[in-house]
PDB file of N, CA and C in Angstrom:
ATOM      1  N   MET A   1       2.296  17.237 -19.488  1.00  0.00           N
ATOM      2  CA  MET A   1       1.619  15.869 -19.274  1.00  0.00           C
ATOM      3  C   MET A   1       2.811  14.870 -18.947  1.00  0.00           C
ATOM      4  N   ALA A   2       2.454  14.269 -18.088  1.00  0.00           N
ATOM      5  CA  ALA A   2       3.186  13.071 -17.285  1.00  0.00           C
ATOM      6  C   ALA A   2       3.380  12.019 -18.419  1.00  0.00           C
ATOM      7  N   SER A   3       4.423  11.371 -18.244  1.00  0.00           N
ATOM      8  CA  SER A   3       4.603  10.116 -19.041  1.00  0.00           C
ATOM      9  C   SER A   3       3.844   8.807 -18.503  1.00  0.00           C
ATOM     10  N   PRO A   4       3.560   8.056 -19.477  1.00  0.00           N
ATOM     11  CA  PRO A   4       2.689   6.892 -19.025  1.00  0.00           C
ATOM     12  C   PRO A   4       3.040   6.084 -17.843  1.00  0.00           C
ATOM     13  N   PRO A   5       4.799   5.675 -17.715  1.00  0.00           N
ATOM     14  CA  PRO A   5       5.002   5.060 -16.555  1.00  0.00           C
ATOM     15  C   PRO A   5       4.637   5.578 -15.342  1.00  0.00           C
ATOM     16  N   ILE A   6       4.829   7.089 -15.035  1.00  0.00           N
ATOM     17  CA  ILE A   6       4.461   7.725 -13.961  1.00  0.00           C
ATOM     18  C   ILE A   6       2.939   7.886 -13.792  1.00  0.00           C
ATOM     19  N   ASN A   7       2.323   7.884 -14.765  1.00  0.00           N
ATOM     20  CA  ASN A   7       0.589   7.561 -14.428  1.00  0.00           C
ATOM     21  C   ASN A   7       0.360   6.547 -13.959  1.00  0.00           C
ATOM     22  N   THR A   8       0.920   5.390 -14.281  1.00  0.00           N
ATOM     23  CA  THR A   8       0.775   4.014 -14.135  1.00  0.00           C
ATOM     24  C   THR A   8       1.046   3.961 -12.612  1.00  0.00           C
ATOM     25  N   VAL A   9       2.552   4.327 -12.011  1.00  0.00           N
ATOM     26  CA  VAL A   9       2.382   4.364 -10.814  1.00  0.00           C
ATOM     27  C   VAL A   9       1.674   5.379 -10.052  1.00  0.00           C
ATOM     28  N   ALA A  10       1.043   6.232 -10.532  1.00  0.00           N
ATOM     29  CA  ALA A  10       0.481   7.195  -9.612  1.00  0.00           C
ATOM     30  C   ALA A  10      -1.100   6.417  -9.275  1.00  0.00           C
ATOM     31  N   TRP A  11      -1.322   5.422  -9.889  1.00  0.00           N
ATOM     32  CA  TRP A  11      -2.690   4.885  -9.662  1.00  0.00           C
ATOM     33  C   TRP A  11      -2.328   3.520  -8.828  1.00  0.00           C
ATOM     34  N   LEU A  12      -1.307   2.890  -9.389  1.00  0.00           N
ATOM     35  CA  LEU A  12      -0.986   1.582  -8.993  1.00  0.00           C
ATOM     36  C   LEU A  12      -0.596   1.497  -7.443  1.00  0.00           C
ATOM     37  N   THR A  13       0.166   2.507  -6.897  1.00  0.00           N
ATOM     38  CA  THR A  13       0.442   2.558  -5.435  1.00  0.00           C
ATOM     39  C   THR A  13      -0.798   2.673  -4.668  1.00  0.00           C
ATOM     40  N   PRO A  14      -1.380   3.473  -4.843  1.00  0.00           N
ATOM     41  CA  PRO A  14      -2.705   3.744  -3.781  1.00  0.00           C
ATOM     42  C   PRO A  14      -3.213   2.142  -3.895  1.00  0.00           C
ATOM     43  N   ALA A  15      -3.695   1.903  -5.023  1.00  0.00           N
ATOM     44  CA  ALA A  15      -4.612   0.594  -5.278  1.00  0.00           C
ATOM     45  C   ALA A  15      -3.485  -0.733  -4.475  1.00  0.00           C
ATOM     46  N   ARG A  16      -2.289  -0.773  -4.731  1.00  0.00           N
ATOM     47  CA  ARG A  16      -1.760  -1.662  -3.960  1.00  0.00           C
ATOM     48  C   ARG A  16      -1.624  -1.694  -2.110  1.00  0.00           C
ATOM     49  N   LEU A  17      -1.729  -0.270  -2.078  1.00  0.00           N
ATOM     50  CA  LEU A  17      -1.956  -0.222  -0.723  1.00  0.00           C
ATOM     51  C   LEU A  17      -3.089  -0.726   0.107  1.00  0.00           C
ATOM     52  N   LEU A  18      -4.163  -0.063  -0.787  1.00  0.00           N
ATOM     53  CA  LEU A  18      -5.502  -0.515  -0.388  1.00  0.00           C
ATOM     54  C   LEU A  18      -5.851  -2.332  -0.505  1.00  0.00           C
ATOM     55  N   ILE A  19      -4.840  -2.609  -1.419  1.00  0.00           N
ATOM     56  CA  ILE A  19      -5.620  -4.159  -1.384  1.00  0.00           C
ATOM     57  C   ILE A  19      -4.928  -4.656  -0.097  1.00  0.00           C
ATOM     58  N   GLY A  20      -3.435  -4.290   0.359  1.00  0.00           N
ATOM     59  CA  GLY A  20      -2.631  -4.736   1.495  1.00  0.00           C
ATOM     60  C   GLY A  20      -3.497  -4.473   2.594  1.00  0.00           C
ATOM     61  N   LEU A  21      -4.159  -3.253   2.694  1.00  0.00           N
ATOM     62  CA  LEU A  21      -4.851  -2.881   3.929  1.00  0.00           C
ATOM     63  C   LEU A  21      -5.991  -3.850   4.097  1.00  0.00           C
ATOM     64  N   HIS A  22      -6.430  -4.105   2.827  1.00  0.00           N
ATOM     65  CA  HIS A  22      -8.038  -5.246   3.041  1.00  0.00           C
ATOM     66  C   HIS A  22      -7.788  -6.564   3.549  1.00  0.00           C
ATOM     67  N   LYS A  23      -6.421  -6.815   2.760  1.00  0.00           N
ATOM     68  CA  LYS A  23      -6.088  -8.203   3.614  1.00  0.00           C
ATOM     69  C   LYS A  23      -5.609  -8.129   5.068  1.00  0.00           C
ATOM     70  N   SER A  24      -5.030  -7.303   5.386  1.00  0.00           N
ATOM     71  CA  SER A  24      -4.648  -7.576   6.778  1.00  0.00           C
ATOM     72  C   SER A  24      -5.790  -7.777   8.070  1.00  0.00           C
ATOM     73  N   PRO A  25      -5.477  -8.701   9.081  1.00  0.00           N
ATOM     74  CA  PRO A  25      -6.608  -8.938   9.984  1.00  0.00           C
ATOM     75  C   PRO A  25      -7.224  -7.672  10.568  1.00  0.00           C
ATOM     76  N   TRP A  26      -6.770  -6.552  10.764  1.00  0.00           N
ATOM     77  CA  TRP A  26      -7.212  -5.561  11.703  1.00  0.00           C
ATOM     78  C   TRP A  26      -8.160  -4.922  10.330  1.00  0.00           C
ATOM     79  N   ALA A  27      -8.057  -4.689   9.655  1.00  0.00           N
ATOM     80  CA  ALA A  27      -9.105  -4.024   8.398  1.00  0.00           C
ATOM     81  C   ALA A  27     -10.191  -5.258   8.370  1.00  0.00           C
ATOM     82  N   LYS A  28     -10.084  -6.772   8.189  1.00  0.00           N
ATOM     83  CA  LYS A  28     -11.085  -7.620   7.996  1.00  0.00           C
ATOM     84  C   LYS A  28     -11.951  -7.482   9.322  1.00  0.00           C
ATOM     85  N   GLY A  29     -11.441  -7.102  10.573  1.00  0.00           N
ATOM     86  CA  GLY A  29     -12.080  -7.251  11.559  1.00  0.00           C
ATOM     87  C   GLY A  29     -13.225  -5.766  11.671  1.00  0.00           C
ATOM     88  N   HIS A  30     -12.438  -4.916  11.070  1.00  0.00           N
ATOM     89  CA  HIS A  30     -13.262  -3.657  11.281  1.00  0.00           C
ATOM     90  C   HIS A  30     -14.612  -3.774   9.882  1.00  0.00           C
ATOM     91  N   ILE A  31     -14.143  -4.188   8.850  1.00  0.00           N
ATOM     92  CA  ILE A  31     -14.830  -4.275   7.723  1.00  0.00           C
ATOM     93  C   ILE A  31     -16.147  -5.471   8.365  1.00  0.00           C
ATOM     94  N   GLY A  32     -16.040  -6.549   8.874  1.00  0.00           N
ATOM     95  CA  GLY A  32     -16.675  -7.379   9.407  1.00  0.00           C
ATOM     96  C   GLY A  32     -17.939  -6.885  10.336  1.00  0.00           C
ATOM     97  N   ALA A  33     -16.986  -6.041  11.059  1.00  0.00           N
ATOM     98  CA  ALA A  33     -17.914  -5.160  12.616  1.00  0.00           C
ATOM     99  C   ALA A  33     -18.925  -4.228  11.733  1.00  0.00           C
ATOM    100  N   ILE A  34     -18.754  -3.634  10.706  1.00  0.00           N
ATOM    101  CA  ILE A  34     -19.287  -2.656  10.183  1.00  0.00           C
ATOM    102  C   ILE A  34     -20.385  -3.526   9.442  1.00  0.00           C
ATOM    103  N   GLY A  35     -20.279  -4.493   8.646  1.00  0.00           N
ATOM    104  CA  GLY A  35     -21.286  -5.291   7.996  1.00  0.00           C
ATOM    105  C   GLY A  35     -22.177  -5.934   9.434  1.00  0.00           C
ATOM    106  N   VAL A  36     -21.610  -6.615  10.262  1.00  0.00           N
ATOM    107  CA  VAL A  36     -22.541  -6.756  11.160  1.00  0.00           C
ATOM    108  C   VAL A  36     -23.580  -5.623  11.756  1.00  0.00           C
ATOM    109  N   ARG A  37     -22.940  -4.664  12.245  1.00  0.00           N
ATOM    110  CA  ARG A  37     -23.680  -3.450  12.514  1.00  0.00           C
ATOM    111  C   ARG A  37     -24.901  -3.194  11.502  1.00  0.00           C
ATOM    112  N   LEU A  38     -24.439  -3.415  10.212  1.00  0.00           N
ATOM    113  CA  LEU A  38     -25.305  -2.533   9.206  1.00  0.00           C
ATOM    114  C   LEU A  38     -26.625  -3.723   9.268  1.00  0.00           C
ATOM    115  N   PHE A  39     -26.206  -4.936   8.906  1.00  0.00           N
ATOM    116  CA  PHE A  39     -27.457  -6.240   9.077  1.00  0.00           C
ATOM    117  C   PHE A  39     -27.875  -6.579  10.521  1.00  0.00           C
ATOM    118  N   ALA A  40     -27.499  -6.058  11.408  1.00  0.00           N
ATOM    119  CA  ALA A  40     -27.956  -6.399  12.598  1.00  0.00           C
ATOM    120  C   ALA A  40     -29.193  -5.179  12.973  1.00  0.00           C
ATOM    121  N   GLN A  41     -29.144  -4.468  11.951  1.00  0.00           N
ATOM    122  CA  GLN A  41     -30.288  -3.415  12.645  1.00  0.00           C
ATOM    123  C   GLN A  41     -31.691  -3.586  12.355  1.00  0.00           C
ATOM    124  N   ALA A  42     -32.445  -3.370  13.404  1.00  0.00           N
ATOM    125  CA  ALA A  42     -34.081  -3.964  13.273  1.00  0.00           C
ATOM    126  C   ALA A  42     -34.760  -2.845  12.029  1.00  0.00           C
ATOM    127  N   PRO A  43     -34.915  -3.522  11.340  1.00  0.00           N
ATOM    128  CA  PRO A  43     -35.995  -2.316  10.342  1.00  0.00           C
ATOM    129  C   PRO A  43     -37.192  -1.630  11.146  1.00  0.00           C
TER     130      PRO A  43
END
């Protein structure tokens, strides 16, 4: 069994990477483009 500090680092590191990616202009552009494509589809 891993010690608690290692478990914390194991989930905190990917979470920080995802948050950092989400805040980047590149990711915001792609997320926005996907949103426009999803909402612009004619039913």
